[in-house]
């Protein structure tokens, strides 16, 4: 599943709450952090592309991959649980 998602589709997949967990891999190092929801929404607005995650990211509940501008590594973003 490699189709692009719209901003609204991506927002609908975010979990409830004030923070959303993210992670990215850069230089072989995995970095995870909680972001304030408003910062996630801003990142999604300015994303180069938003796509459904596959593999490990999806397995650990990070169902969005955000491709960002400026040479930044892709960001995996936490999404609602599959059964919600």
Protein backbone atom coordinates (compact mmCIF):
# COMPACT_ATOMS: atom_id res chain seq x y z
CA UNK A 1 0.00 0.00 0.00
CA UNK A 2 1.93 3.01 -1.25
CA UNK A 3 -0.79 5.52 -2.12
CA UNK A 4 -0.51 9.07 -0.88
CA UNK A 5 -2.90 10.27 1.80
CA UNK A 6 -4.43 13.71 2.06
CA UNK A 7 -3.95 15.90 5.11
CA UNK A 8 -7.54 15.17 6.24
CA UNK A 9 -7.10 11.40 5.81
CA UNK A 10 -3.91 11.51 7.87
CA UNK A 11 -5.48 13.61 10.64
CA UNK A 12 -8.36 11.13 10.88
CA UNK A 13 -5.85 8.37 11.68
CA UNK A 14 -4.18 10.20 14.59
CA UNK A 15 -4.91 8.95 18.09
CA UNK A 16 -6.79 11.10 20.58
CA UNK A 17 -4.84 13.18 23.05
CA UNK A 18 -2.44 16.09 23.29
CA UNK A 19 0.67 14.15 22.24
CA UNK A 20 1.50 11.81 19.39
CA UNK A 21 4.54 9.52 19.34
CA UNK A 22 6.91 9.58 16.39
CA UNK A 23 10.15 7.97 15.38
CA UNK A 24 12.66 8.32 12.60
CA UNK A 25 15.87 6.56 11.66
CA UNK A 26 18.89 8.62 10.71
CA UNK A 27 22.43 7.37 10.34
CA UNK A 28 21.44 4.00 11.77
CA UNK A 29 20.04 5.57 14.94
CA UNK A 30 16.35 5.31 15.77
CA UNK A 31 14.97 8.41 17.49
CA UNK A 32 11.55 8.41 19.15
CA UNK A 33 9.70 11.31 20.75
CA UNK A 34 6.29 12.54 21.81
CA UNK A 35 5.21 15.59 19.82
CA UNK A 36 2.48 18.03 20.76
CA UNK A 37 -0.54 17.41 18.52
CA UNK A 38 -0.42 20.95 17.06
CA UNK A 39 3.17 20.33 15.90
CA UNK A 40 2.13 17.07 14.22
CA UNK A 41 -0.69 18.87 12.42
CA UNK A 42 1.75 21.53 11.23
CA UNK A 43 4.19 18.88 9.99
CA UNK A 44 1.38 17.14 8.09
CA UNK A 45 0.32 20.43 6.46
CA UNK A 46 3.80 21.03 5.11
CA UNK A 47 4.74 17.45 4.27
CA UNK A 48 6.19 16.55 0.91
CA UNK A 49 4.13 13.34 1.05
CA UNK A 50 2.07 11.34 3.57
CA UNK A 51 1.74 7.60 3.07
CA UNK A 52 0.46 4.56 4.95
CA UNK A 53 3.25 2.79 6.80
CA UNK A 54 4.14 -0.85 6.21
CA UNK A 55 6.23 -3.44 8.02
CA UNK A 56 7.72 -2.71 11.42
CA UNK A 57 6.37 0.85 11.71
CA UNK A 58 2.81 -0.36 11.22
CA UNK A 59 3.35 -3.30 13.59
CA UNK A 60 4.29 -0.93 16.42
CA UNK A 61 1.30 1.34 15.82
CA UNK A 62 2.95 4.03 13.69
CA UNK A 63 0.70 3.82 10.63
CA UNK A 64 1.77 7.01 8.84
CA UNK A 65 5.05 7.85 7.15
CA UNK A 66 5.65 11.54 6.53
CA UNK A 67 8.21 12.55 3.93
CA UNK A 68 9.51 15.96 4.92
CA UNK A 69 11.28 18.75 3.07
CA UNK A 70 14.82 19.92 3.70
CA UNK A 71 16.56 16.58 3.62
CA UNK A 72 15.03 15.47 6.92
CA UNK A 73 14.55 11.71 7.35
CA UNK A 74 11.05 10.25 6.96
CA UNK A 75 8.99 10.35 10.17
CA UNK A 76 6.79 7.46 11.32
CA UNK A 77 3.76 8.79 13.19
CA UNK A 78 1.59 6.97 15.73
CA UNK A 79 -1.96 6.18 14.59
CA UNK A 80 -5.12 4.79 16.16
CA UNK A 81 -5.10 1.11 16.94
CA UNK A 82 -6.46 -1.07 14.13
CA UNK A 83 -9.57 -2.08 16.13
CA UNK A 84 -10.61 1.43 17.14
